PDB file of all heavy atoms in Angstrom:
ATOM      1  N   LEU A   1       0.826  -1.193  -0.009  1.00  0.00           N
ATOM      2  CA  LEU A   1      -0.004   0.003   0.012  1.00  0.00           C
ATOM      3  C   LEU A   1       0.877   1.265   0.010  1.00  0.00           C
ATOM      4  O   LEU A   1       0.902   2.020   0.951  1.00  0.00           O
ATOM      5  CB  LEU A   1      -0.977  -0.012   1.200  1.00  0.00           C
ATOM      6  CG  LEU A   1      -2.134   0.962   1.080  1.00  0.00           C
ATOM      7  CD1 LEU A   1      -2.983   0.636  -0.137  1.00  0.00           C
ATOM      8  CD2 LEU A   1      -3.015   0.921   2.345  1.00  0.00           C
ATOM      9  N   PHE A   2       1.585   1.464  -1.104  1.00  0.00           N
ATOM     10  CA  PHE A   2       2.448   2.618  -1.298  1.00  0.00           C
ATOM     11  C   PHE A   2       1.636   3.799  -1.784  1.00  0.00           C
ATOM     12  O   PHE A   2       0.429   3.667  -2.118  1.00  0.00           O
ATOM     13  CB  PHE A   2       3.522   2.302  -2.337  1.00  0.00           C
ATOM     14  CG  PHE A   2       4.666   1.502  -1.762  1.00  0.00           C
ATOM     15  CD1 PHE A   2       4.524   0.553  -0.753  1.00  0.00           C
ATOM     16  CD2 PHE A   2       5.972   1.737  -2.270  1.00  0.00           C
ATOM     17  CE1 PHE A   2       5.601  -0.139  -0.256  1.00  0.00           C
ATOM     18  CE2 PHE A   2       7.057   1.046  -1.752  1.00  0.00           C
ATOM     19  CZ  PHE A   2       6.861   0.099  -0.761  1.00  0.00           C
ATOM     20  N   ARG A   3       2.288   4.974  -1.879  1.00  0.00           N
ATOM     21  CA  ARG A   3       1.587   6.173  -2.262  1.00  0.00           C
ATOM     22  C   ARG A   3       0.962   6.059  -3.636  1.00  0.00           C
ATOM     23  O   ARG A   3      -0.101   6.630  -3.941  1.00  0.00           O
ATOM     24  CB  ARG A   3       2.570   7.364  -2.268  1.00  0.00           C
ATOM     25  CG  ARG A   3       3.185   7.638  -0.939  1.00  0.00           C
ATOM     26  CD  ARG A   3       4.294   8.673  -1.045  1.00  0.00           C
ATOM     27  NE  ARG A   3       5.353   8.430  -0.071  1.00  0.00           N
ATOM     28  CZ  ARG A   3       6.446   9.095   0.036  1.00  0.00           C
ATOM     29  NH1 ARG A   3       6.633  10.172  -0.771  1.00  0.00           N
ATOM     30  NH2 ARG A   3       7.378   8.828   0.921  1.00  0.00           N
ATOM     31  N   ASN A   4       1.620   5.294  -4.553  1.00  0.00           N
ATOM     32  CA  ASN A   4       1.105   5.220  -5.912  1.00  0.00           C
ATOM     33  C   ASN A   4      -0.045   4.220  -6.047  1.00  0.00           C
ATOM     34  O   ASN A   4      -0.621   4.070  -7.106  1.00  0.00           O
ATOM     35  CB  ASN A   4       2.221   4.847  -6.912  1.00  0.00           C
ATOM     36  CG  ASN A   4       2.886   3.511  -6.531  1.00  0.00           C
ATOM     37  OD1 ASN A   4       2.891   3.105  -5.382  1.00  0.00           O
ATOM     38  ND2 ASN A   4       3.446   2.847  -7.525  1.00  0.00           N
ATOM     39  N   ASN A   5      -0.405   3.565  -4.928  1.00  0.00           N
ATOM     40  CA  ASN A   5      -1.556   2.642  -4.960  1.00  0.00           C
ATOM     41  C   ASN A   5      -2.765   3.181  -4.196  1.00  0.00           C
ATOM     42  O   ASN A   5      -3.692   2.422  -3.868  1.00  0.00           O
ATOM     43  CB  ASN A   5      -1.143   1.278  -4.344  1.00  0.00           C
ATOM     44  CG  ASN A   5      -0.192   0.551  -5.276  1.00  0.00           C
ATOM     45  OD1 ASN A   5      -0.245   0.737  -6.511  1.00  0.00           O
ATOM     46  ND2 ASN A   5       0.656  -0.284  -4.731  1.00  0.00           N
ATOM     47  N   VAL A   6      -2.777   4.495  -3.895  1.00  0.00           N
ATOM     48  CA  VAL A   6      -3.856   5.151  -3.191  1.00  0.00           C
ATOM     49  C   VAL A   6      -4.204   6.409  -3.931  1.00  0.00           C
ATOM     50  O   VAL A   6      -3.327   7.128  -4.386  1.00  0.00           O
ATOM     51  CB  VAL A   6      -3.481   5.485  -1.701  1.00  0.00           C
ATOM     52  CG1 VAL A   6      -4.647   6.138  -0.979  1.00  0.00           C
ATOM     53  CG2 VAL A   6      -3.032   4.235  -0.977  1.00  0.00           C
ATOM     54  N   LEU A   7      -5.526   6.689  -4.020  1.00  0.00           N
ATOM     55  CA  LEU A   7      -5.984   7.864  -4.756  1.00  0.00           C
ATOM     56  C   LEU A   7      -6.701   8.791  -3.815  1.00  0.00           C
ATOM     57  O   LEU A   7      -7.394   8.383  -2.863  1.00  0.00           O
ATOM     58  CB  LEU A   7      -6.927   7.466  -5.892  1.00  0.00           C
ATOM     59  CG  LEU A   7      -6.320   6.487  -6.950  1.00  0.00           C
ATOM     60  CD1 LEU A   7      -7.386   6.029  -7.909  1.00  0.00           C
ATOM     61  CD2 LEU A   7      -5.182   7.171  -7.673  1.00  0.00           C
ATOM     62  N   PHE A   8      -6.563  10.112  -4.088  1.00  0.00           N
ATOM     63  CA  PHE A   8      -7.216  11.152  -3.306  1.00  0.00           C
ATOM     64  C   PHE A   8      -7.854  12.200  -4.199  1.00  0.00           C
ATOM     65  O   PHE A   8      -7.395  12.467  -5.290  1.00  0.00           O
ATOM     66  CB  PHE A   8      -6.173  11.896  -2.426  1.00  0.00           C
ATOM     67  CG  PHE A   8      -5.664  11.128  -1.259  1.00  0.00           C
ATOM     68  CD1 PHE A   8      -4.546  10.250  -1.367  1.00  0.00           C
ATOM     69  CD2 PHE A   8      -6.259  11.245  -0.005  1.00  0.00           C
ATOM     70  CE1 PHE A   8      -4.089   9.543  -0.283  1.00  0.00           C
ATOM     71  CE2 PHE A   8      -5.782  10.563   1.112  1.00  0.00           C
ATOM     72  CZ  PHE A   8      -4.679   9.707   0.962  1.00  0.00           C
ATOM     73  N   HIS A   9      -8.905  12.845  -3.627  1.00  0.00           N
ATOM     74  CA  HIS A   9      -9.358  14.125  -4.087  1.00  0.00           C
ATOM     75  C   HIS A   9      -9.054  15.088  -2.937  1.00  0.00           C
ATOM     76  O   HIS A   9      -9.732  15.035  -1.910  1.00  0.00           O
ATOM     77  CB  HIS A   9     -10.855  14.135  -4.389  1.00  0.00           C
ATOM     78  CG  HIS A   9     -11.255  13.483  -5.675  1.00  0.00           C
ATOM     79  ND1 HIS A   9     -10.608  13.789  -6.874  1.00  0.00           N
ATOM     80  CD2 HIS A   9     -12.219  12.569  -5.962  1.00  0.00           C
ATOM     81  CE1 HIS A   9     -11.157  13.062  -7.843  1.00  0.00           C
ATOM     82  NE2 HIS A   9     -12.138  12.309  -7.301  1.00  0.00           N
ATOM     83  N   GLY A  10      -8.035  15.925  -3.117  1.00  0.00           N
ATOM     84  CA  GLY A  10      -7.623  16.760  -1.961  1.00  0.00           C
ATOM     85  C   GLY A  10      -7.103  15.900  -0.852  1.00  0.00           C
ATOM     86  O   GLY A  10      -6.173  15.089  -1.038  1.00  0.00           O
ATOM     87  N   GLU A  11      -7.712  15.994   0.314  1.00  0.00           N
ATOM     88  CA  GLU A  11      -7.330  15.181   1.450  1.00  0.00           C
ATOM     89  C   GLU A  11      -8.295  13.998   1.647  1.00  0.00           C
ATOM     90  O   GLU A  11      -8.159  13.236   2.621  1.00  0.00           O
ATOM     91  CB  GLU A  11      -7.293  16.017   2.728  1.00  0.00           C
ATOM     92  CG  GLU A  11      -6.220  17.112   2.671  1.00  0.00           C
ATOM     93  CD  GLU A  11      -6.201  17.977   3.934  1.00  0.00           C
ATOM     94  OE1 GLU A  11      -7.158  17.829   4.730  1.00  0.00           O
ATOM     95  OE2 GLU A  11      -5.267  18.786   4.088  1.00  0.00           O
ATOM     96  N   HIS A  12      -9.282  13.842   0.756  1.00  0.00           N
ATOM     97  CA  HIS A  12     -10.245  12.735   0.820  1.00  0.00           C
ATOM     98  C   HIS A  12      -9.790  11.531   0.053  1.00  0.00           C
ATOM     99  O   HIS A  12      -9.544  11.620  -1.173  1.00  0.00           O
ATOM    100  CB  HIS A  12     -11.615  13.198   0.311  1.00  0.00           C
ATOM    101  CG  HIS A  12     -12.645  12.159   0.251  1.00  0.00           C
ATOM    102  ND1 HIS A  12     -13.128  11.502   1.366  1.00  0.00           N
ATOM    103  CD2 HIS A  12     -13.286  11.598  -0.811  1.00  0.00           C
ATOM    104  CE1 HIS A  12     -13.987  10.612   1.025  1.00  0.00           C
ATOM    105  NE2 HIS A  12     -14.129  10.621  -0.305  1.00  0.00           N
ATOM    106  N   LEU A  13      -9.631  10.387   0.730  1.00  0.00           N
ATOM    107  CA  LEU A  13      -9.178   9.205   0.075  1.00  0.00           C
ATOM    108  C   LEU A  13     -10.304   8.613  -0.771  1.00  0.00           C
ATOM    109  O   LEU A  13     -11.403   8.356  -0.235  1.00  0.00           O
ATOM    110  CB  LEU A  13      -8.738   8.185   1.149  1.00  0.00           C
ATOM    111  CG  LEU A  13      -7.924   6.945   0.671  1.00  0.00           C
ATOM    112  CD1 LEU A  13      -7.045   6.406   1.799  1.00  0.00           C
ATOM    113  CD2 LEU A  13      -8.855   5.841   0.171  1.00  0.00           C
ATOM    114  N   THR A  14     -10.027   8.362  -2.052  1.00  0.00           N
ATOM    115  CA  THR A  14     -11.064   7.904  -2.961  1.00  0.00           C
ATOM    116  C   THR A  14     -10.816   6.489  -3.507  1.00  0.00           C
ATOM    117  O   THR A  14     -11.754   5.926  -4.093  1.00  0.00           O
ATOM    118  CB  THR A  14     -11.193   8.864  -4.187  1.00  0.00           C
ATOM    119  OG1 THR A  14      -9.906   8.962  -4.825  1.00  0.00           O
ATOM    120  CG2 THR A  14     -11.641  10.223  -3.751  1.00  0.00           C
ATOM    121  N   GLY A  15      -9.670   5.928  -3.311  1.00  0.00           N
ATOM    122  CA  GLY A  15      -9.441   4.585  -3.834  1.00  0.00           C
ATOM    123  C   GLY A  15      -8.145   3.976  -3.373  1.00  0.00           C
ATOM    124  O   GLY A  15      -7.155   4.633  -3.110  1.00  0.00           O
ATOM    125  N   VAL A  16      -8.188   2.616  -3.265  1.00  0.00           N
ATOM    126  CA  VAL A  16      -7.046   1.785  -2.975  1.00  0.00           C
ATOM    127  C   VAL A  16      -6.994   0.699  -4.026  1.00  0.00           C
ATOM    128  O   VAL A  16      -8.036   0.061  -4.238  1.00  0.00           O
ATOM    129  CB  VAL A  16      -7.097   1.187  -1.570  1.00  0.00           C
ATOM    130  CG1 VAL A  16      -5.984   0.155  -1.356  1.00  0.00           C
ATOM    131  CG2 VAL A  16      -7.047   2.267  -0.496  1.00  0.00           C
ATOM    132  N   PHE A  17      -5.874   0.464  -4.654  1.00  0.00           N
ATOM    133  CA  PHE A  17      -5.825  -0.566  -5.725  1.00  0.00           C
ATOM    134  C   PHE A  17      -4.541  -1.333  -5.698  1.00  0.00           C
ATOM    135  O   PHE A  17      -3.704  -1.197  -4.777  1.00  0.00           O
ATOM    136  CB  PHE A  17      -6.049   0.094  -7.086  1.00  0.00           C
ATOM    137  CG  PHE A  17      -5.027   1.138  -7.474  1.00  0.00           C
ATOM    138  CD1 PHE A  17      -4.030   0.788  -8.376  1.00  0.00           C
ATOM    139  CD2 PHE A  17      -5.112   2.447  -7.007  1.00  0.00           C
ATOM    140  CE1 PHE A  17      -3.069   1.771  -8.755  1.00  0.00           C
ATOM    141  CE2 PHE A  17      -4.164   3.397  -7.396  1.00  0.00           C
ATOM    142  CZ  PHE A  17      -3.145   3.034  -8.257  1.00  0.00           C
ATOM    143  N   ASP A  18      -4.333  -2.155  -6.740  1.00  0.00           N
ATOM    144  CA  ASP A  18      -3.144  -3.025  -6.889  1.00  0.00           C
ATOM    145  C   ASP A  18      -3.012  -4.003  -5.721  1.00  0.00           C
ATOM    146  O   ASP A  18      -2.075  -3.931  -4.888  1.00  0.00           O
ATOM    147  CB  ASP A  18      -1.889  -2.208  -7.076  1.00  0.00           C
ATOM    148  CG  ASP A  18      -0.763  -3.029  -7.721  1.00  0.00           C
ATOM    149  OD1 ASP A  18      -1.001  -4.230  -7.976  1.00  0.00           O
ATOM    150  OD2 ASP A  18       0.295  -2.482  -8.031  1.00  0.00           O
ATOM    151  N   PHE A  19      -3.929  -4.950  -5.638  1.00  0.00           N
ATOM    152  CA  PHE A  19      -3.949  -5.947  -4.590  1.00  0.00           C
ATOM    153  C   PHE A  19      -3.170  -7.235  -4.960  1.00  0.00           C
ATOM    154  O   PHE A  19      -3.286  -8.244  -4.269  1.00  0.00           O
ATOM    155  CB  PHE A  19      -5.387  -6.334  -4.270  1.00  0.00           C
ATOM    156  CG  PHE A  19      -6.108  -5.351  -3.416  1.00  0.00           C
ATOM    157  CD1 PHE A  19      -6.629  -4.187  -3.942  1.00  0.00           C
ATOM    158  CD2 PHE A  19      -6.225  -5.554  -2.054  1.00  0.00           C
ATOM    159  CE1 PHE A  19      -7.335  -3.283  -3.175  1.00  0.00           C
ATOM    160  CE2 PHE A  19      -6.912  -4.609  -1.243  1.00  0.00           C
ATOM    161  CZ  PHE A  19      -7.438  -3.495  -1.803  1.00  0.00           C
ATOM    162  N   TYR A  20      -2.326  -7.148  -5.973  1.00  0.00           N
ATOM    163  CA  TYR A  20      -1.737  -8.374  -6.507  1.00  0.00           C
ATOM    164  C   TYR A  20      -0.475  -8.850  -5.823  1.00  0.00           C
ATOM    165  O   TYR A  20       0.197  -9.747  -6.267  1.00  0.00           O
ATOM    166  CB  TYR A  20      -1.534  -8.216  -8.032  1.00  0.00           C
ATOM    167  CG  TYR A  20      -2.858  -7.943  -8.730  1.00  0.00           C
ATOM    168  CD1 TYR A  20      -3.044  -6.776  -9.494  1.00  0.00           C
ATOM    169  CD2 TYR A  20      -3.916  -8.790  -8.599  1.00  0.00           C
ATOM    170  CE1 TYR A  20      -4.245  -6.477 -10.085  1.00  0.00           C
ATOM    171  CE2 TYR A  20      -5.136  -8.520  -9.195  1.00  0.00           C
ATOM    172  CZ  TYR A  20      -5.293  -7.373  -9.938  1.00  0.00           C
ATOM    173  OH  TYR A  20      -6.488  -7.095 -10.528  1.00  0.00           O
ATOM    174  N   PHE A  21      -0.122  -8.241  -4.700  1.00  0.00           N
ATOM    175  CA  PHE A  21       0.843  -8.769  -3.752  1.00  0.00           C
ATOM    176  C   PHE A  21       0.186  -9.169  -2.432  1.00  0.00           C
ATOM    177  O   PHE A  21       0.879  -9.434  -1.463  1.00  0.00           O
ATOM    178  CB  PHE A  21       1.963  -7.769  -3.498  1.00  0.00           C
ATOM    179  CG  PHE A  21       2.992  -7.697  -4.572  1.00  0.00           C
ATOM    180  CD1 PHE A  21       3.130  -6.548  -5.308  1.00  0.00           C
ATOM    181  CD2 PHE A  21       3.807  -8.763  -4.908  1.00  0.00           C
ATOM    182  CE1 PHE A  21       4.048  -6.420  -6.343  1.00  0.00           C
ATOM    183  CE2 PHE A  21       4.765  -8.705  -5.900  1.00  0.00           C
ATOM    184  CZ  PHE A  21       4.866  -7.534  -6.649  1.00  0.00           C
ATOM    185  N   ALA A  22      -1.154  -9.147  -2.407  1.00  0.00           N
ATOM    186  CA  ALA A  22      -1.875  -9.476  -1.170  1.00  0.00           C
ATOM    187  C   ALA A  22      -1.653 -10.948  -0.792  1.00  0.00           C
ATOM    188  O   ALA A  22      -1.333 -11.768  -1.608  1.00  0.00           O
ATOM    189  CB  ALA A  22      -3.351  -9.165  -1.334  1.00  0.00           C
ATOM    190  N   GLY A  23      -1.841 -11.204   0.497  1.00  0.00           N
ATOM    191  CA  GLY A  23      -1.710 -12.556   1.007  1.00  0.00           C
ATOM    192  C   GLY A  23      -2.034 -12.535   2.461  1.00  0.00           C
ATOM    193  O   GLY A  23      -2.344 -11.515   3.071  1.00  0.00           O
ATOM    194  N   CYS A  24      -2.026 -13.693   3.088  1.00  0.00           N
ATOM    195  CA  CYS A  24      -2.284 -13.788   4.520  1.00  0.00           C
ATOM    196  C   CYS A  24      -0.958 -13.710   5.269  1.00  0.00           C
ATOM    197  O   CYS A  24      -0.014 -14.476   5.009  1.00  0.00           O
ATOM    198  CB  CYS A  24      -3.011 -15.071   4.826  1.00  0.00           C
ATOM    199  SG  CYS A  24      -4.692 -15.128   4.121  1.00  0.00           S
ATOM    200  N   ASP A  25      -0.920 -12.800   6.229  1.00  0.00           N
ATOM    201  CA  ASP A  25       0.328 -12.539   6.990  1.00  0.00           C
ATOM    202  C   ASP A  25      -0.094 -11.776   8.249  1.00  0.00           C
ATOM    203  O   ASP A  25      -1.276 -11.539   8.498  1.00  0.00           O
ATOM    204  CB  ASP A  25       1.295 -11.675   6.130  1.00  0.00           C
ATOM    205  CG  ASP A  25       2.742 -11.868   6.529  1.00  0.00           C
ATOM    206  OD1 ASP A  25       2.992 -12.180   7.714  1.00  0.00           O
ATOM    207  OD2 ASP A  25       3.616 -11.683   5.653  1.00  0.00           O
ATOM    208  N   ALA A  26       0.936 -11.392   9.016  1.00  0.00           N
ATOM    209  CA  ALA A  26       0.660 -10.548  10.186  1.00  0.00           C
ATOM    210  C   ALA A  26       0.112  -9.216   9.704  1.00  0.00           C
ATOM    211  O   ALA A  26       0.681  -8.594   8.821  1.00  0.00           O
ATOM    212  CB  ALA A  26       1.931 -10.352  11.003  1.00  0.00           C
ATOM    213  N   LEU A  27      -0.968  -8.747  10.334  1.00  0.00           N
ATOM    214  CA  LEU A  27      -1.514  -7.433   9.979  1.00  0.00           C
ATOM    215  C   LEU A  27      -0.473  -6.357  10.203  1.00  0.00           C
ATOM    216  O   LEU A  27      -0.434  -5.328   9.491  1.00  0.00           O
ATOM    217  CB  LEU A  27      -2.766  -7.145  10.781  1.00  0.00           C
ATOM    218  CG  LEU A  27      -3.938  -8.163  10.655  1.00  0.00           C
ATOM    219  CD1 LEU A  27      -5.168  -7.659  11.456  1.00  0.00           C
ATOM    220  CD2 LEU A  27      -4.300  -8.465   9.233  1.00  0.00           C
ATOM    221  N   LEU A  28       0.405  -6.586  11.152  1.00  0.00           N
ATOM    222  CA  LEU A  28       1.450  -5.614  11.504  1.00  0.00           C
ATOM    223  C   LEU A  28       2.391  -5.380  10.316  1.00  0.00           C
ATOM    224  O   LEU A  28       2.947  -4.301  10.175  1.00  0.00           O
ATOM    225  CB  LEU A  28       2.217  -6.076  12.718  1.00  0.00           C
ATOM    226  CG  LEU A  28       3.226  -5.096  13.301  1.00  0.00           C
ATOM    227  CD1 LEU A  28       2.527  -3.832  13.783  1.00  0.00           C
ATOM    228  CD2 LEU A  28       4.029  -5.759  14.455  1.00  0.00           C
ATOM    229  N   PHE A  29       2.587  -6.382   9.483  1.00  0.00           N
ATOM    230  CA  PHE A  29       3.447  -6.231   8.295  1.00  0.00           C
ATOM    231  C   PHE A  29       2.869  -5.147   7.382  1.00  0.00           C
ATOM    232  O   PHE A  29       3.595  -4.326   6.859  1.00  0.00           O
ATOM    233  CB  PHE A  29       3.603  -7.559   7.581  1.00  0.00           C
ATOM    234  CG  PHE A  29       4.484  -7.491   6.350  1.00  0.00           C
ATOM    235  CD1 PHE A  29       5.841  -7.455   6.462  1.00  0.00           C
ATOM    236  CD2 PHE A  29       3.906  -7.438   5.076  1.00  0.00           C
ATOM    237  CE1 PHE A  29       6.663  -7.361   5.356  1.00  0.00           C
ATOM    238  CE2 PHE A  29       4.699  -7.338   3.930  1.00  0.00           C
ATOM    239  CZ  PHE A  29       6.091  -7.291   4.079  1.00  0.00           C
ATOM    240  N   ASP A  30       1.549  -5.145   7.189  1.00  0.00           N
ATOM    241  CA  ASP A  30       0.890  -4.129   6.377  1.00  0.00           C
ATOM    242  C   ASP A  30       1.151  -2.752   6.965  1.00  0.00           C
ATOM    243  O   ASP A  30       1.374  -1.774   6.229  1.00  0.00           O
ATOM    244  CB  ASP A  30      -0.602  -4.427   6.327  1.00  0.00           C
ATOM    245  CG  ASP A  30      -1.133  -4.574   4.918  1.00  0.00           C
ATOM    246  OD1 ASP A  30      -0.360  -4.491   3.949  1.00  0.00           O
ATOM    247  OD2 ASP A  30      -2.356  -4.806   4.782  1.00  0.00           O
ATOM    248  N   ILE A  31       1.000  -2.614   8.262  1.00  0.00           N
ATOM    249  CA  ILE A  31       1.202  -1.352   8.954  1.00  0.00           C
ATOM    250  C   ILE A  31       2.644  -0.868   8.735  1.00  0.00           C
ATOM    251  O   ILE A  31       2.891   0.297   8.412  1.00  0.00           O
ATOM    252  CB  ILE A  31       0.911  -1.498  10.470  1.00  0.00           C
ATOM    253  CG1 ILE A  31      -0.586  -1.848  10.644  1.00  0.00           C
ATOM    254  CG2 ILE A  31       1.334  -0.233  11.230  1.00  0.00           C
ATOM    255  CD1 ILE A  31      -0.955  -2.223  12.073  1.00  0.00           C
ATOM    256  N   ALA A  32       3.602  -1.796   8.843  1.00  0.00           N
ATOM    257  CA  ALA A  32       5.015  -1.424   8.697  1.00  0.00           C
ATOM    258  C   ALA A  32       5.329  -1.000   7.303  1.00  0.00           C
ATOM    259  O   ALA A  32       6.057  -0.029   7.061  1.00  0.00           O
ATOM    260  CB  ALA A  32       5.880  -2.652   9.089  1.00  0.00           C
ATOM    261  N   VAL A  33       4.765  -1.671   6.311  1.00  0.00           N
ATOM    262  CA  VAL A  33       5.002  -1.267   4.919  1.00  0.00           C
ATOM    263  C   VAL A  33       4.513   0.138   4.666  1.00  0.00           C
ATOM    264  O   VAL A  33       5.188   0.942   4.015  1.00  0.00           O
ATOM    265  CB  VAL A  33       4.296  -2.256   3.963  1.00  0.00           C
ATOM    266  CG1 VAL A  33       4.241  -1.733   2.514  1.00  0.00           C
ATOM    267  CG2 VAL A  33       5.001  -3.628   3.981  1.00  0.00           C
ATOM    268  N   CYS A  34       3.354   0.472   5.230  1.00  0.00           N
ATOM    269  CA  CYS A  34       2.821   1.833   5.036  1.00  0.00           C
ATOM    270  C   CYS A  34       3.716   2.862   5.742  1.00  0.00           C
ATOM    271  O   CYS A  34       3.979   3.924   5.179  1.00  0.00           O
ATOM    272  CB  CYS A  34       1.399   1.890   5.579  1.00  0.00           C
ATOM    273  SG  CYS A  34       0.177   1.129   4.516  1.00  0.00           S
ATOM    274  N   LEU A  35       4.101   2.593   6.976  1.00  0.00           N
ATOM    275  CA  LEU A  35       4.969   3.522   7.681  1.00  0.00           C
ATOM    276  C   LEU A  35       6.225   3.793   6.897  1.00  0.00           C
ATOM    277  O   LEU A  35       6.715   4.952   6.869  1.00  0.00           O
ATOM    278  CB  LEU A  35       5.290   2.962   9.098  1.00  0.00           C
ATOM    279  CG  LEU A  35       4.191   3.052  10.123  1.00  0.00           C
ATOM    280  CD1 LEU A  35       4.583   2.240  11.351  1.00  0.00           C
ATOM    281  CD2 LEU A  35       3.897   4.491  10.548  1.00  0.00           C
ATOM    282  N   ASN A  36       6.795   2.766   6.280  1.00  0.00           N
ATOM    283  CA  ASN A  36       8.050   2.933   5.582  1.00  0.00           C
ATOM    284  C   ASN A  36       7.902   3.715   4.261  1.00  0.00           C
ATOM    285  O   ASN A  36       8.933   4.151   3.712  1.00  0.00           O
ATOM    286  CB  ASN A  36       8.630   1.524   5.246  1.00  0.00           C
ATOM    287  CG  ASN A  36       9.217   0.863   6.453  1.00  0.00           C
ATOM    288  OD1 ASN A  36       9.380   1.427   7.509  1.00  0.00           O
ATOM    289  ND2 ASN A  36       9.517  -0.423   6.294  1.00  0.00           N
ATOM    290  N   ASP A  37       6.690   3.898   3.767  1.00  0.00           N
ATOM    291  CA  ASP A  37       6.533   4.658   2.557  1.00  0.00           C
ATOM    292  C   ASP A  37       5.899   6.018   2.853  1.00  0.00           C
ATOM    293  O   ASP A  37       6.386   7.073   2.435  1.00  0.00           O
ATOM    294  CB  ASP A  37       5.677   3.903   1.553  1.00  0.00           C
ATOM    295  CG  ASP A  37       5.541   4.681   0.230  1.00  0.00           C
ATOM    296  OD1 ASP A  37       6.583   4.893  -0.404  1.00  0.00           O
ATOM    297  OD2 ASP A  37       4.452   5.066  -0.138  1.00  0.00           O
TER     298      ASP A  37
END
């Protein structure tokens, strides 16, 4: 979930895409990936 996989209108989030690296893992891994980007 990098910046280029999220869409906004101004400060309003309008979309999340590119789920093709998704899988089952620790939810914390997702949080960490976002923090790092």
